[in-house]
Amino acid sequence: MNIENLYPAVERVREHRFGASSREASFLRAYPALVAAARVDADDPLDPFLRTAALAYGWMPKALKIDEDFLPAAAASFAAVKANGVTISRDLIDPIAGCLGSLVGASTVLHLANPAVFPMWNKRIERFRLCETPSSFHMGQTRNYLGFIEDVWGITSHPMFLTFHHEFCTAYQERLQRLHIAAYPLTEPGVVQCATAELARG
């Protein structure tokens, strides 16, 4: 996965029109509220994690299931993830994935908690990245999500990224305008993840 093969996403976003009531448009409309809700703290440290997990699983194909054995560690990881200057590590990801029983679910929770650091990840995105369909085992390995994160951050450091960022965000804002959704910014890893997801739709 590199910046050159992400460039077609710009035209895809310009040309592809979601229905105003489609699942995709609904997510675009809800996204700023989801991120804002994930940032709200509470007296009980479990509450922000559980709230965000419930919001994330509103867009997942499976129902939310919490493994109580991992819950305190997951809540602690979630609080750490929200901090400025957080360092990406397996120690932050694994408790959340263990609590949810899903690394894909964990990536969504991590992204909502700190979209400037963690991109969302799923099987379609990984299929695009690998150019082959990943196994369920592959999707359960933290090292593979970390590999995606590394690729995303590598693209954001490419000399062409500022130009790509501008072109993609312009197309993205045009899409929001067509759907009568108020404009909102995307983080740098969010731009790469959104472009990848766009192309992964096939």
Protein backbone atom coordinates (compact mmCIF):
# COMPACT_ATOMS: atom_id res chain seq x y z
CA MET A 1 0.00 0.00 0.00
CA ASN A 2 1.48 3.35 -1.03
CA ILE A 3 0.38 6.87 -1.85
CA GLU A 4 0.38 6.20 -5.59
CA ASN A 5 -2.23 3.46 -5.37
CA LEU A 6 -4.37 5.61 -3.05
CA TYR A 7 -4.71 8.47 -5.53
CA PRO A 8 -7.68 6.90 -7.40
CA ALA A 9 -9.66 7.36 -4.17
CA VAL A 10 -9.89 11.09 -4.88
CA GLU A 11 -11.90 10.55 -8.07
CA ARG A 12 -13.90 7.76 -6.44
CA VAL A 13 -15.05 10.14 -3.71
CA ARG A 14 -15.88 12.82 -6.29
CA GLU A 15 -17.86 10.47 -8.51
CA HIS A 16 -19.45 7.97 -6.14
CA ARG A 17 -22.70 9.18 -4.67
CA PHE A 18 -24.19 7.60 -1.57
CA GLY A 19 -27.92 7.69 -1.06
CA ALA A 20 -28.86 10.27 1.58
CA SER A 21 -30.27 7.54 3.83
CA SER A 22 -27.65 4.88 3.08
CA ARG A 23 -25.58 3.23 5.79
CA GLU A 24 -22.48 5.00 4.46
CA ALA A 25 -24.11 8.44 4.53
CA SER A 26 -25.49 7.74 7.99
CA PHE A 27 -22.00 6.99 9.28
CA LEU A 28 -20.59 10.16 7.71
CA ARG A 29 -23.38 12.13 9.37
CA ALA A 30 -22.86 10.50 12.77
CA TYR A 31 -19.05 10.46 12.74
CA PRO A 32 -18.34 13.84 14.44
CA ALA A 33 -20.83 13.01 17.20
CA LEU A 34 -19.23 9.58 17.72
CA VAL A 35 -15.78 11.12 18.11
CA ALA A 36 -17.09 13.81 20.46
CA ALA A 37 -18.89 11.23 22.60
CA ALA A 38 -15.74 9.12 22.88
CA ARG A 39 -13.86 12.13 24.27
CA VAL A 40 -16.30 12.74 27.14
CA ASP A 41 -14.91 11.65 30.51
CA ALA A 42 -16.83 10.34 33.52
CA ASP A 43 -16.23 9.72 37.21
CA ASP A 44 -16.26 5.97 36.62
CA PRO A 45 -13.37 5.10 34.22
CA LEU A 46 -15.39 2.18 32.83
CA ASP A 47 -18.14 4.46 31.50
CA PRO A 48 -16.23 6.17 28.63
CA PHE A 49 -14.93 2.84 27.36
CA LEU A 50 -18.32 1.13 27.53
CA ARG A 51 -20.05 4.10 25.89
CA THR A 52 -17.56 4.16 23.03
CA ALA A 53 -17.66 0.40 22.54
CA ALA A 54 -21.47 0.53 22.33
CA LEU A 55 -21.28 3.37 19.78
CA ALA A 56 -18.63 1.58 17.73
CA TYR A 57 -20.65 -1.63 17.59
CA GLY A 58 -23.61 0.23 16.17
CA TRP A 59 -21.67 -0.01 12.87
CA MET A 60 -20.31 -3.54 13.31
CA PRO A 61 -21.89 -6.68 11.83
CA LYS A 62 -21.82 -8.47 15.22
CA ALA A 63 -23.34 -7.51 18.55
CA LEU A 64 -21.17 -6.12 21.32
CA LYS A 65 -19.93 -8.71 23.82
CA ILE A 66 -17.79 -7.63 26.78
CA ASP A 67 -15.30 -10.02 28.41
CA GLU A 68 -15.42 -8.84 32.01
CA ASP A 69 -12.00 -10.33 32.78
CA PHE A 70 -10.40 -7.77 30.45
CA LEU A 71 -12.70 -4.85 31.32
CA PRO A 72 -10.57 -2.96 33.90
CA ALA A 73 -7.45 -3.20 31.72
CA ALA A 74 -9.42 -2.18 28.62
CA ALA A 75 -10.83 0.89 30.38
CA ALA A 76 -7.33 1.85 31.53
CA SER A 77 -5.97 1.44 28.00
CA PHE A 78 -8.85 3.49 26.61
CA ALA A 79 -8.08 6.35 29.01
CA ALA A 80 -4.40 6.24 28.02
CA VAL A 81 -5.25 6.20 24.30
CA LYS A 82 -7.13 9.50 24.61
CA ALA A 83 -4.07 11.32 25.97
CA ASN A 84 -2.10 13.71 23.78
CA GLY A 85 1.23 12.31 22.66
CA VAL A 86 0.17 8.71 23.21
CA THR A 87 2.62 6.13 21.85
CA ILE A 88 1.15 3.31 19.77
CA SER A 89 1.84 -0.02 21.41
CA ARG A 90 0.56 -3.57 21.65
CA ASP A 91 0.03 -3.01 25.39
CA LEU A 92 -2.66 -0.42 24.63
CA ILE A 93 -4.36 -2.41 21.88
CA ASP A 94 -4.46 -5.93 23.32
CA PRO A 95 -6.61 -5.28 26.43
CA ILE A 96 -9.29 -3.56 24.31
CA ALA A 97 -9.21 -6.32 21.67
CA GLY A 98 -9.37 -8.95 24.41
CA CYS A 99 -12.33 -7.26 26.09
CA LEU A 100 -14.27 -6.98 22.83
CA GLY A 101 -13.10 -10.29 21.39
CA SER A 102 -12.23 -8.47 18.17
CA LEU A 103 -9.22 -6.57 16.90
CA VAL A 104 -11.41 -4.96 14.22
CA GLY A 105 -13.81 -3.74 16.91
CA ALA A 106 -10.86 -2.53 18.95
CA SER A 107 -9.54 -0.51 16.00
CA THR A 108 -12.85 1.35 15.75
CA VAL A 109 -12.88 2.10 19.48
CA LEU A 110 -9.24 3.22 19.33
CA HIS A 111 -9.98 5.47 16.36
CA LEU A 112 -12.96 7.14 18.00
CA ALA A 113 -10.86 7.71 21.13
CA ASN A 114 -7.96 9.25 19.22
CA PRO A 115 -8.48 9.65 15.47
CA ALA A 116 -5.22 11.58 15.15
CA VAL A 117 -3.28 8.41 16.00
CA PHE A 118 -5.29 5.24 15.32
CA PRO A 119 -6.94 4.40 11.97
CA MET A 120 -9.91 2.05 11.71
CA TRP A 121 -9.17 -1.36 10.19
CA ASN A 122 -11.25 -4.21 8.82
CA LYS A 123 -11.04 -7.21 6.52
CA ARG A 124 -11.81 -5.25 3.34
CA ILE A 125 -9.11 -2.69 4.13
CA GLU A 126 -6.60 -5.44 4.87
CA ARG A 127 -7.53 -7.23 1.64
CA PHE A 128 -6.74 -4.03 -0.25
CA ARG A 129 -3.46 -3.62 1.63
CA LEU A 130 -2.32 -7.21 1.04
CA CYS A 131 -3.90 -7.71 -2.40
CA GLU A 132 -5.36 -10.98 -1.06
CA THR A 133 -8.12 -11.96 1.33
CA PRO A 134 -6.82 -12.27 4.90
CA SER A 135 -7.83 -15.18 7.10
CA SER A 136 -9.74 -14.80 10.35
CA PHE A 137 -6.53 -15.80 12.13
CA HIS A 138 -4.67 -12.99 10.37
CA MET A 139 -7.32 -10.47 11.42
CA GLY A 140 -6.91 -11.52 15.04
CA GLN A 141 -3.17 -10.81 15.18
CA THR A 142 -2.21 -7.46 16.67
CA ARG A 143 0.99 -7.36 14.61
CA ASN A 144 -1.11 -7.12 11.44
CA TYR A 145 -3.08 -4.12 12.70
CA LEU A 146 0.23 -2.57 13.77
CA GLY A 147 1.51 -3.24 10.24
CA PHE A 148 -1.43 -1.32 8.81
CA ILE A 149 -0.81 1.56 11.22
CA GLU A 150 2.84 1.63 10.17
CA ASP A 151 1.82 1.77 6.49
CA VAL A 152 -0.65 4.59 7.22
CA TRP A 153 1.93 6.68 9.04
CA GLY A 154 4.49 5.94 6.32
CA ILE A 155 2.11 7.41 3.74
CA THR A 156 1.51 10.53 5.84
CA SER A 157 5.27 11.18 5.83
CA HIS A 158 5.57 10.87 2.02
CA PRO A 159 6.59 14.10 0.20
CA MET A 160 3.41 13.91 -1.91
CA PHE A 161 1.10 13.55 1.06
CA LEU A 162 0.29 17.24 1.54
CA THR A 163 -0.98 17.42 -2.04
CA PHE A 164 -2.92 14.18 -1.67
CA HIS A 165 -4.34 15.35 1.66
CA HIS A 166 -5.61 18.57 0.08
CA GLU A 167 -7.15 16.84 -2.95
CA PHE A 168 -8.79 14.07 -0.93
CA CYS A 169 -10.18 16.42 1.72
CA THR A 170 -11.58 18.72 -0.97
CA ALA A 171 -13.37 15.78 -2.58
CA TYR A 172 -14.54 14.54 0.83
CA GLN A 173 -15.99 17.93 1.76
CA GLU A 174 -17.78 18.03 -1.60
CA ARG A 175 -19.31 14.65 -0.75
CA LEU A 176 -20.48 15.97 2.63
CA GLN A 177 -21.95 19.04 0.93
CA ARG A 178 -23.90 16.85 -1.53
CA LEU A 179 -25.33 14.98 1.45
CA HIS A 180 -26.14 18.23 3.31
CA ILE A 181 -23.75 17.29 6.13
CA ALA A 182 -21.85 20.06 7.89
CA ALA A 183 -18.15 20.02 7.00
CA TYR A 184 -15.69 18.51 9.48
CA PRO A 185 -11.94 17.86 9.27
CA LEU A 186 -10.17 14.53 8.88
CA THR A 187 -6.93 13.72 10.66
CA GLU A 188 -3.91 12.71 8.60
CA PRO A 189 -4.25 8.97 9.38
CA GLY A 190 -8.00 9.41 8.90
CA VAL A 191 -7.42 10.61 5.35
CA VAL A 192 -5.34 7.53 4.53
CA GLN A 193 -7.83 5.19 6.20
CA CYS A 194 -10.82 6.80 4.42
CA ALA A 195 -9.05 6.62 1.05
CA THR A 196 -8.16 2.98 1.65
CA ALA A 197 -11.71 2.15 2.71
CA GLU A 198 -13.07 3.88 -0.39
CA LEU A 199 -10.92 1.75 -2.69
CA ALA A 200 -11.53 -1.39 -0.62
CA ARG A 201 -15.24 -1.15 -1.39
CA GLY A 202 -14.34 -2.37 -4.88
